[in-house]
Amino acid sequence: MRRWIVALVMTIAWSPAYAWGPEGHAIVAEIAQRRLTATALFEVKHILGGEVSMASVASWADDVRYALHPESYNWHFVDIPLADDKYHHAESG
């Protein structure tokens, strides 16, 4: 019985984290944009084109992947082992 309860709690706890979708991307992007340095914010505005917010384009990669390029599903993230404290581009290929 205890295992069943633990499994149920884990399933319920996992579901909200897994299902953030566009709203979750937008929330994280908004928080990130508010924490940018002035120089970084300038560069973001340059890349996005003026006053476009990061939140408004945060799920672009998902939108394109589902609509146009399903083969690009693994371009959206990088798996970094928990033991590593840095991203190693050469190893992610």
C-alpha atoms as a PDB file:
ATOM      1  CA  MET A   1       0.000   0.000   0.000  1.00  0.00           C
ATOM      2  CA  ARG A   2       2.804   2.395   0.889  1.00  0.00           C
ATOM      3  CA  ARG A   3       4.481   1.882  -2.504  1.00  0.00           C
ATOM      4  CA  TRP A   4       1.203   2.669  -4.254  1.00  0.00           C
ATOM      5  CA  ILE A   5       0.860   5.927  -2.310  1.00  0.00           C
ATOM      6  CA  VAL A   6       4.460   6.906  -3.076  1.00  0.00           C
ATOM      7  CA  ALA A   7       3.929   6.132  -6.778  1.00  0.00           C
ATOM      8  CA  LEU A   8       0.735   8.199  -6.830  1.00  0.00           C
ATOM      9  CA  VAL A   9       2.390  11.161  -5.113  1.00  0.00           C
ATOM     10  CA  MET A  10       5.359  11.009  -7.495  1.00  0.00           C
ATOM     11  CA  THR A  11       3.035  10.910 -10.510  1.00  0.00           C
ATOM     12  CA  ILE A  12       1.033  13.885  -9.282  1.00  0.00           C
ATOM     13  CA  ALA A  13       4.175  15.833  -8.399  1.00  0.00           C
ATOM     14  CA  TRP A  14       5.769  15.116 -11.787  1.00  0.00           C
ATOM     15  CA  SER A  15       2.788  16.128 -13.935  1.00  0.00           C
ATOM     16  CA  PRO A  16       2.793  19.907 -13.291  1.00  0.00           C
ATOM     17  CA  ALA A  17       6.545  20.183 -13.804  1.00  0.00           C
ATOM     18  CA  TYR A  18       6.394  18.273 -17.070  1.00  0.00           C
ATOM     19  CA  ALA A  19       3.441  20.203 -18.483  1.00  0.00           C
ATOM     20  CA  TRP A  20       4.675  23.789 -18.328  1.00  0.00           C
ATOM     21  CA  GLY A  21       4.538  24.267 -22.073  1.00  0.00           C
ATOM     22  CA  PRO A  22       4.415  27.792 -23.556  1.00  0.00           C
ATOM     23  CA  GLU A  23       3.338  29.400 -20.283  1.00  0.00           C
ATOM     24  CA  GLY A  24       6.297  27.936 -18.416  1.00  0.00           C
ATOM     25  CA  HIS A  25       8.705  29.039 -21.125  1.00  0.00           C
ATOM     26  CA  ALA A  26       7.263  32.559 -20.995  1.00  0.00           C
ATOM     27  CA  ILE A  27       7.526  32.755 -17.200  1.00  0.00           C
ATOM     28  CA  VAL A  28      11.151  31.645 -17.184  1.00  0.00           C
ATOM     29  CA  ALA A  29      11.986  34.023 -20.058  1.00  0.00           C
ATOM     30  CA  GLU A  30      10.363  36.950 -18.245  1.00  0.00           C
ATOM     31  CA  ILE A  31      12.339  36.230 -15.083  1.00  0.00           C
ATOM     32  CA  ALA A  32      15.534  35.843 -17.106  1.00  0.00           C
ATOM     33  CA  GLN A  33      14.975  39.094 -19.011  1.00  0.00           C
ATOM     34  CA  ARG A  34      14.456  41.005 -15.773  1.00  0.00           C
ATOM     35  CA  ARG A  35      17.817  39.720 -14.519  1.00  0.00           C
ATOM     36  CA  LEU A  36      19.870  40.660 -17.600  1.00  0.00           C
ATOM     37  CA  THR A  37      22.642  43.201 -17.390  1.00  0.00           C
ATOM     38  CA  ALA A  38      22.183  46.376 -19.420  1.00  0.00           C
ATOM     39  CA  THR A  39      24.672  45.091 -21.996  1.00  0.00           C
ATOM     40  CA  ALA A  40      22.930  41.736 -22.310  1.00  0.00           C
ATOM     41  CA  LEU A  41      19.512  43.415 -22.594  1.00  0.00           C
ATOM     42  CA  PHE A  42      20.864  45.638 -25.371  1.00  0.00           C
ATOM     43  CA  GLU A  43      22.060  42.551 -27.261  1.00  0.00           C
ATOM     44  CA  VAL A  44      18.749  40.739 -26.770  1.00  0.00           C
ATOM     45  CA  LYS A  45      16.858  43.743 -28.131  1.00  0.00           C
ATOM     46  CA  HIS A  46      19.244  43.834 -31.082  1.00  0.00           C
ATOM     47  CA  ILE A  47      18.705  40.144 -31.824  1.00  0.00           C
ATOM     48  CA  LEU A  48      14.927  40.153 -31.320  1.00  0.00           C
ATOM     49  CA  GLY A  49      14.352  43.504 -32.970  1.00  0.00           C
ATOM     50  CA  GLY A  50      13.529  46.395 -30.678  1.00  0.00           C
ATOM     51  CA  GLU A  51      11.107  45.995 -27.826  1.00  0.00           C
ATOM     52  CA  VAL A  52      10.142  42.348 -28.400  1.00  0.00           C
ATOM     53  CA  SER A  53      10.141  40.533 -25.071  1.00  0.00           C
ATOM     54  CA  MET A  54      11.899  37.236 -24.553  1.00  0.00           C
ATOM     55  CA  ALA A  55       8.640  35.872 -23.092  1.00  0.00           C
ATOM     56  CA  SER A  56       6.824  36.460 -26.375  1.00  0.00           C
ATOM     57  CA  VAL A  57       9.239  34.244 -28.302  1.00  0.00           C
ATOM     58  CA  ALA A  58      10.237  31.780 -25.582  1.00  0.00           C
ATOM     59  CA  SER A  59       8.398  28.803 -27.069  1.00  0.00           C
ATOM     60  CA  TRP A  60       9.339  29.538 -30.688  1.00  0.00           C
ATOM     61  CA  ALA A  61      11.568  26.459 -30.922  1.00  0.00           C
ATOM     62  CA  ASP A  62       8.698  24.224 -29.798  1.00  0.00           C
ATOM     63  CA  ASP A  63       6.283  25.859 -32.231  1.00  0.00           C
ATOM     64  CA  VAL A  64       8.653  25.372 -35.163  1.00  0.00           C
ATOM     65  CA  ARG A  65       9.554  21.857 -34.116  1.00  0.00           C
ATOM     66  CA  TYR A  66       5.957  20.655 -33.949  1.00  0.00           C
ATOM     67  CA  ALA A  67       4.738  22.498 -37.032  1.00  0.00           C
ATOM     68  CA  LEU A  68       7.649  22.271 -39.444  1.00  0.00           C
ATOM     69  CA  HIS A  69      10.636  20.288 -38.230  1.00  0.00           C
ATOM     70  CA  PRO A  70       9.847  17.274 -36.018  1.00  0.00           C
ATOM     71  CA  GLU A  71      13.364  15.952 -36.691  1.00  0.00           C
ATOM     72  CA  SER A  72      14.748  18.848 -34.649  1.00  0.00           C
ATOM     73  CA  TYR A  73      13.300  17.669 -31.320  1.00  0.00           C
ATOM     74  CA  ASN A  74      16.721  17.162 -29.731  1.00  0.00           C
ATOM     75  CA  TRP A  75      18.114  20.536 -30.879  1.00  0.00           C
ATOM     76  CA  HIS A  76      16.032  22.256 -28.197  1.00  0.00           C
ATOM     77  CA  PHE A  77      18.005  21.079 -25.190  1.00  0.00           C
ATOM     78  CA  VAL A  78      21.353  19.803 -24.008  1.00  0.00           C
ATOM     79  CA  ASP A  79      21.675  16.996 -21.479  1.00  0.00           C
ATOM     80  CA  ILE A  80      24.453  17.910 -19.058  1.00  0.00           C
ATOM     81  CA  PRO A  81      25.447  15.212 -16.564  1.00  0.00           C
ATOM     82  CA  LEU A  82      24.740  16.206 -12.961  1.00  0.00           C
ATOM     83  CA  ALA A  83      28.402  15.683 -12.055  1.00  0.00           C
ATOM     84  CA  ASP A  84      29.523  18.332 -14.583  1.00  0.00           C
ATOM     85  CA  ASP A  85      29.627  21.983 -13.665  1.00  0.00           C
ATOM     86  CA  LYS A  86      30.190  23.248 -17.219  1.00  0.00           C
ATOM     87  CA  TYR A  87      28.802  22.752 -20.705  1.00  0.00           C
ATOM     88  CA  HIS A  88      31.271  21.061 -23.074  1.00  0.00           C
ATOM     89  CA  HIS A  89      30.164  21.769 -26.657  1.00  0.00           C
ATOM     90  CA  ALA A  90      32.513  19.197 -28.211  1.00  0.00           C
ATOM     91  CA  GLU A  91      30.936  16.411 -26.130  1.00  0.00           C
ATOM     92  CA  SER A  92      27.328  17.285 -26.935  1.00  0.00           C
ATOM     93  CA  GLY A  93      27.527  16.652 -30.681  1.00  0.00           C
END
